[in-house]
Amino acid sequence: MQQMQIYGVSFDMVGKQPIVLLKTVEGSRFLPIWIGHPEAAAILMKLQGASTPRPMTHDLLNELVERLDAKIDRVSVTELRDNTFYASITLSINGSEAEIDARPSDAIALAVRCSAPIFAAEDVIEESSIEFEHEVEDQEEVVEKFKDFLDDVTPEDFAKGD
């Protein structure tokens, strides 16, 4: 597993689907994960510091975890199977650890609310990530390159293994 950070949320130019872009903490590999509009909004809202008058689903889950004296230790993107990413949430409660199956978008939306680290499996990174040839310091340059990439890419491109 490699630790990842949220680099941003964007939209593919073909299907207008939201994509969360994770970046390896060490290195310059970027992992795009297609997500739904509600989950993109949930991630963006928290990243931008916005709040709602009533708790959204991910806020509610976070509150439940806290009230149960549990802690979300980490979320992990565990595999890519049939064009679908899979994830898990690792939870500590009463001195033991529980792993819960989750969609990556929900796991990430929850991670941003509780400041849990995000990880991705090595094989997922190897199979589905994009690596920039040089270290990029300018975030705008990375975003522009990523937008160029998104102009023509589809989720099926990641299933080909090329």
C-alpha atoms as a PDB file:
ATOM      1  CA  MET A   1       0.000   0.000   0.000  1.00  0.00           C
ATOM      2  CA  GLN A   2       1.093   3.542  -0.755  1.00  0.00           C
ATOM      3  CA  GLN A   3      -0.221   6.591   1.003  1.00  0.00           C
ATOM      4  CA  MET A   4      -2.169   8.952  -1.245  1.00  0.00           C
ATOM      5  CA  GLN A   5      -3.440  12.494  -0.952  1.00  0.00           C
ATOM      6  CA  ILE A   6      -6.409  14.110  -2.623  1.00  0.00           C
ATOM      7  CA  TYR A   7      -5.035  16.261  -5.398  1.00  0.00           C
ATOM      8  CA  GLY A   8      -8.369  17.507  -6.674  1.00  0.00           C
ATOM      9  CA  VAL A   9     -11.755  16.753  -8.156  1.00  0.00           C
ATOM     10  CA  SER A  10     -12.394  17.329 -11.853  1.00  0.00           C
ATOM     11  CA  PHE A  11     -14.728  16.193 -14.619  1.00  0.00           C
ATOM     12  CA  ASP A  12     -13.959  14.070 -17.660  1.00  0.00           C
ATOM     13  CA  MET A  13     -14.648  15.959 -20.846  1.00  0.00           C
ATOM     14  CA  VAL A  14     -16.411  13.085 -22.589  1.00  0.00           C
ATOM     15  CA  GLY A  15     -19.080  11.980 -20.113  1.00  0.00           C
ATOM     16  CA  LYS A  16     -18.950  14.911 -17.679  1.00  0.00           C
ATOM     17  CA  GLN A  17     -18.410  12.396 -14.855  1.00  0.00           C
ATOM     18  CA  PRO A  18     -16.615  13.631 -11.740  1.00  0.00           C
ATOM     19  CA  ILE A  19     -13.166  12.218 -11.061  1.00  0.00           C
ATOM     20  CA  VAL A  20     -11.289  12.381  -7.790  1.00  0.00           C
ATOM     21  CA  LEU A  21      -7.558  12.562  -8.431  1.00  0.00           C
ATOM     22  CA  LEU A  22      -5.326  10.947  -5.833  1.00  0.00           C
ATOM     23  CA  LYS A  23      -1.564  11.501  -5.842  1.00  0.00           C
ATOM     24  CA  THR A  24       1.065   9.326  -4.216  1.00  0.00           C
ATOM     25  CA  VAL A  25       2.535  11.114  -1.204  1.00  0.00           C
ATOM     26  CA  GLU A  26       5.976  10.011  -2.323  1.00  0.00           C
ATOM     27  CA  GLY A  27       6.401  10.294  -6.063  1.00  0.00           C
ATOM     28  CA  SER A  28       4.464  11.691  -8.964  1.00  0.00           C
ATOM     29  CA  ARG A  29       1.853   9.052  -9.747  1.00  0.00           C
ATOM     30  CA  PHE A  30      -1.759  10.161 -10.046  1.00  0.00           C
ATOM     31  CA  LEU A  31      -4.729   7.825  -9.655  1.00  0.00           C
ATOM     32  CA  PRO A  32      -7.993   9.016 -11.262  1.00  0.00           C
ATOM     33  CA  ILE A  33     -11.166   7.446  -9.852  1.00  0.00           C
ATOM     34  CA  TRP A  34     -14.522   8.119 -11.510  1.00  0.00           C
ATOM     35  CA  ILE A  35     -17.152   8.892  -8.871  1.00  0.00           C
ATOM     36  CA  GLY A  36     -20.751  10.047  -8.670  1.00  0.00           C
ATOM     37  CA  HIS A  37     -21.903  13.664  -8.532  1.00  0.00           C
ATOM     38  CA  PRO A  38     -23.195  13.510  -4.912  1.00  0.00           C
ATOM     39  CA  GLU A  39     -19.903  12.043  -3.682  1.00  0.00           C
ATOM     40  CA  ALA A  40     -17.902  14.632  -5.637  1.00  0.00           C
ATOM     41  CA  ALA A  41     -19.983  17.356  -4.006  1.00  0.00           C
ATOM     42  CA  ALA A  42     -19.440  15.805  -0.557  1.00  0.00           C
ATOM     43  CA  ILE A  43     -15.663  15.678  -1.060  1.00  0.00           C
ATOM     44  CA  LEU A  44     -15.446  19.182  -2.536  1.00  0.00           C
ATOM     45  CA  MET A  45     -17.638  20.719   0.161  1.00  0.00           C
ATOM     46  CA  LYS A  46     -15.391  19.449   2.932  1.00  0.00           C
ATOM     47  CA  LEU A  47     -12.176  20.309   1.093  1.00  0.00           C
ATOM     48  CA  GLN A  48     -13.459  23.857   0.588  1.00  0.00           C
ATOM     49  CA  GLY A  49     -14.598  24.213   4.192  1.00  0.00           C
ATOM     50  CA  ALA A  50     -18.271  24.565   3.293  1.00  0.00           C
ATOM     51  CA  SER A  51     -20.964  23.391   5.655  1.00  0.00           C
ATOM     52  CA  THR A  52     -24.628  22.529   5.379  1.00  0.00           C
ATOM     53  CA  PRO A  53     -27.423  23.433   7.798  1.00  0.00           C
ATOM     54  CA  ARG A  54     -28.140  19.722   8.339  1.00  0.00           C
ATOM     55  CA  PRO A  55     -25.639  16.831   8.323  1.00  0.00           C
ATOM     56  CA  MET A  56     -25.038  15.098   5.027  1.00  0.00           C
ATOM     57  CA  THR A  57     -24.637  11.301   4.935  1.00  0.00           C
ATOM     58  CA  HIS A  58     -20.841  11.324   5.323  1.00  0.00           C
ATOM     59  CA  ASP A  59     -21.094  13.837   8.165  1.00  0.00           C
ATOM     60  CA  LEU A  60     -23.648  11.592   9.847  1.00  0.00           C
ATOM     61  CA  LEU A  61     -21.389   8.531   9.499  1.00  0.00           C
ATOM     62  CA  ASN A  62     -18.471  10.457  10.933  1.00  0.00           C
ATOM     63  CA  GLU A  63     -20.576  11.585  13.889  1.00  0.00           C
ATOM     64  CA  LEU A  64     -21.760   8.002  14.514  1.00  0.00           C
ATOM     65  CA  VAL A  65     -18.195   6.696  14.510  1.00  0.00           C
ATOM     66  CA  GLU A  66     -17.142   9.390  16.994  1.00  0.00           C
ATOM     67  CA  ARG A  67     -20.148   8.809  19.287  1.00  0.00           C
ATOM     68  CA  LEU A  68     -19.376   5.071  19.371  1.00  0.00           C
ATOM     69  CA  ASP A  69     -15.854   5.900  20.597  1.00  0.00           C
ATOM     70  CA  ALA A  70     -14.471   4.416  17.412  1.00  0.00           C
ATOM     71  CA  LYS A  71     -11.866   5.807  15.061  1.00  0.00           C
ATOM     72  CA  ILE A  72     -11.356   5.539  11.333  1.00  0.00           C
ATOM     73  CA  ASP A  73      -7.686   4.583  11.073  1.00  0.00           C
ATOM     74  CA  ARG A  74      -7.419   4.660   7.284  1.00  0.00           C
ATOM     75  CA  VAL A  75      -9.249   4.159   4.020  1.00  0.00           C
ATOM     76  CA  SER A  76      -7.751   2.081   1.230  1.00  0.00           C
ATOM     77  CA  VAL A  77      -8.434   1.679  -2.474  1.00  0.00           C
ATOM     78  CA  THR A  78      -7.922  -2.066  -2.556  1.00  0.00           C
ATOM     79  CA  GLU A  79      -8.537  -3.234  -6.107  1.00  0.00           C
ATOM     80  CA  LEU A  80      -9.801  -2.551  -9.600  1.00  0.00           C
ATOM     81  CA  ARG A  81     -12.028  -5.270 -10.998  1.00  0.00           C
ATOM     82  CA  ASP A  82     -14.217  -5.055 -14.126  1.00  0.00           C
ATOM     83  CA  ASN A  83     -13.706  -1.267 -14.405  1.00  0.00           C
ATOM     84  CA  THR A  84     -14.818  -0.806 -10.792  1.00  0.00           C
ATOM     85  CA  PHE A  85     -12.613   0.400  -7.946  1.00  0.00           C
ATOM     86  CA  TYR A  86     -13.088  -1.200  -4.530  1.00  0.00           C
ATOM     87  CA  ALA A  87     -12.138   0.245  -1.162  1.00  0.00           C
ATOM     88  CA  SER A  88     -12.218  -0.490   2.521  1.00  0.00           C
ATOM     89  CA  ILE A  89     -12.488   1.550   5.696  1.00  0.00           C
ATOM     90  CA  THR A  90     -10.380   0.359   8.625  1.00  0.00           C
ATOM     91  CA  LEU A  91     -12.081   1.162  11.901  1.00  0.00           C
ATOM     92  CA  SER A  92     -10.762   0.787  15.477  1.00  0.00           C
ATOM     93  CA  ILE A  93     -13.362   0.087  18.128  1.00  0.00           C
ATOM     94  CA  ASN A  94     -12.996  -1.357  21.627  1.00  0.00           C
ATOM     95  CA  GLY A  95      -9.376  -2.293  21.043  1.00  0.00           C
ATOM     96  CA  SER A  96      -9.992  -4.260  17.869  1.00  0.00           C
ATOM     97  CA  GLU A  97      -9.868  -3.459  14.199  1.00  0.00           C
ATOM     98  CA  ALA A  98     -12.693  -3.916  11.698  1.00  0.00           C
ATOM     99  CA  GLU A  99     -12.451  -3.638   7.943  1.00  0.00           C
ATOM    100  CA  ILE A 100     -15.582  -2.444   6.157  1.00  0.00           C
ATOM    101  CA  ASP A 101     -16.193  -2.717   2.407  1.00  0.00           C
ATOM    102  CA  ALA A 102     -16.924   0.654   0.814  1.00  0.00           C
ATOM    103  CA  ARG A 103     -17.032   2.493  -2.460  1.00  0.00           C
ATOM    104  CA  PRO A 104     -13.867   4.576  -2.877  1.00  0.00           C
ATOM    105  CA  SER A 105     -15.901   7.766  -3.215  1.00  0.00           C
ATOM    106  CA  ASP A 106     -17.664   7.193   0.115  1.00  0.00           C
ATOM    107  CA  ALA A 107     -14.440   6.133   1.823  1.00  0.00           C
ATOM    108  CA  ILE A 108     -12.649   9.260   0.583  1.00  0.00           C
ATOM    109  CA  ALA A 109     -15.560  11.539   1.542  1.00  0.00           C
ATOM    110  CA  LEU A 110     -15.434  10.044   5.038  1.00  0.00           C
ATOM    111  CA  ALA A 111     -11.625  10.279   5.215  1.00  0.00           C
ATOM    112  CA  VAL A 112     -11.682  14.024   4.572  1.00  0.00           C
ATOM    113  CA  ARG A 113     -14.137  14.474   7.429  1.00  0.00           C
ATOM    114  CA  CYS A 114     -12.092  12.588  10.010  1.00  0.00           C
ATOM    115  CA  SER A 115      -8.593  13.341   8.663  1.00  0.00           C
ATOM    116  CA  ALA A 116      -7.887   9.653   8.063  1.00  0.00           C
ATOM    117  CA  PRO A 117      -5.021   8.766   5.739  1.00  0.00           C
ATOM    118  CA  ILE A 118      -5.839   7.388   2.298  1.00  0.00           C
ATOM    119  CA  PHE A 119      -3.929   4.461   0.807  1.00  0.00           C
ATOM    120  CA  ALA A 120      -4.000   2.585  -2.497  1.00  0.00           C
ATOM    121  CA  ALA A 121      -2.830  -0.945  -3.237  1.00  0.00           C
ATOM    122  CA  GLU A 122       0.385  -1.233  -5.244  1.00  0.00           C
ATOM    123  CA  ASP A 123      -1.308  -3.227  -8.024  1.00  0.00           C
ATOM    124  CA  VAL A 124      -4.057  -0.598  -8.374  1.00  0.00           C
ATOM    125  CA  ILE A 125      -1.446   2.140  -8.659  1.00  0.00           C
ATOM    126  CA  GLU A 126       0.582   0.094 -11.133  1.00  0.00           C
ATOM    127  CA  GLU A 127      -2.452  -0.724 -13.289  1.00  0.00           C
ATOM    128  CA  SER A 128      -4.382   2.544 -13.222  1.00  0.00           C
ATOM    129  CA  SER A 129      -2.192   5.484 -12.335  1.00  0.00           C
ATOM    130  CA  ILE A 130      -0.634   8.124 -14.541  1.00  0.00           C
ATOM    131  CA  GLU A 131       2.958   9.136 -13.949  1.00  0.00           C
ATOM    132  CA  PHE A 132       4.335  12.488 -14.962  1.00  0.00           C
ATOM    133  CA  GLU A 133       7.850  12.261 -16.364  1.00  0.00           C
ATOM    134  CA  HIS A 134       9.240  15.032 -14.194  1.00  0.00           C
ATOM    135  CA  GLU A 135       8.511  16.305 -10.739  1.00  0.00           C
ATOM    136  CA  VAL A 136       5.937  19.049 -11.065  1.00  0.00           C
ATOM    137  CA  GLU A 137       5.967  21.841  -8.521  1.00  0.00           C
ATOM    138  CA  ASP A 138       3.183  23.900 -10.057  1.00  0.00           C
ATOM    139  CA  GLN A 139      -0.258  22.497  -9.252  1.00  0.00           C
ATOM    140  CA  GLU A 140      -1.832  24.431 -12.120  1.00  0.00           C
ATOM    141  CA  GLU A 141       0.555  22.718 -14.563  1.00  0.00           C
ATOM    142  CA  VAL A 142      -0.496  19.299 -13.254  1.00  0.00           C
ATOM    143  CA  VAL A 143      -4.175  20.220 -13.490  1.00  0.00           C
ATOM    144  CA  GLU A 144      -3.731  21.402 -17.087  1.00  0.00           C
ATOM    145  CA  LYS A 145      -1.910  18.202 -18.076  1.00  0.00           C
ATOM    146  CA  PHE A 146      -4.589  16.170 -16.345  1.00  0.00           C
ATOM    147  CA  LYS A 147      -7.357  18.071 -18.163  1.00  0.00           C
ATOM    148  CA  ASP A 148      -5.579  17.373 -21.471  1.00  0.00           C
ATOM    149  CA  PHE A 149      -5.475  13.706 -20.542  1.00  0.00           C
ATOM    150  CA  LEU A 150      -9.192  13.727 -19.624  1.00  0.00           C
ATOM    151  CA  ASP A 151     -10.203  15.108 -23.014  1.00  0.00           C
ATOM    152  CA  ASP A 152      -9.914  11.644 -24.561  1.00  0.00           C
ATOM    153  CA  VAL A 153      -9.812   9.071 -21.761  1.00  0.00           C
ATOM    154  CA  THR A 154     -12.676   6.755 -20.793  1.00  0.00           C
ATOM    155  CA  PRO A 155     -13.011   4.360 -17.840  1.00  0.00           C
ATOM    156  CA  GLU A 156     -12.575   1.465 -20.272  1.00  0.00           C
ATOM    157  CA  ASP A 157      -9.043   2.679 -21.085  1.00  0.00           C
ATOM    158  CA  PHE A 158      -7.962   1.541 -17.638  1.00  0.00           C
ATOM    159  CA  ALA A 159      -9.332  -1.968 -18.139  1.00  0.00           C
ATOM    160  CA  LYS A 160      -7.163  -2.696 -21.169  1.00  0.00           C
ATOM    161  CA  GLY A 161      -4.005  -3.019 -19.111  1.00  0.00           C
ATOM    162  CA  ASP A 162      -1.990  -1.032 -21.683  1.00  0.00           C
END
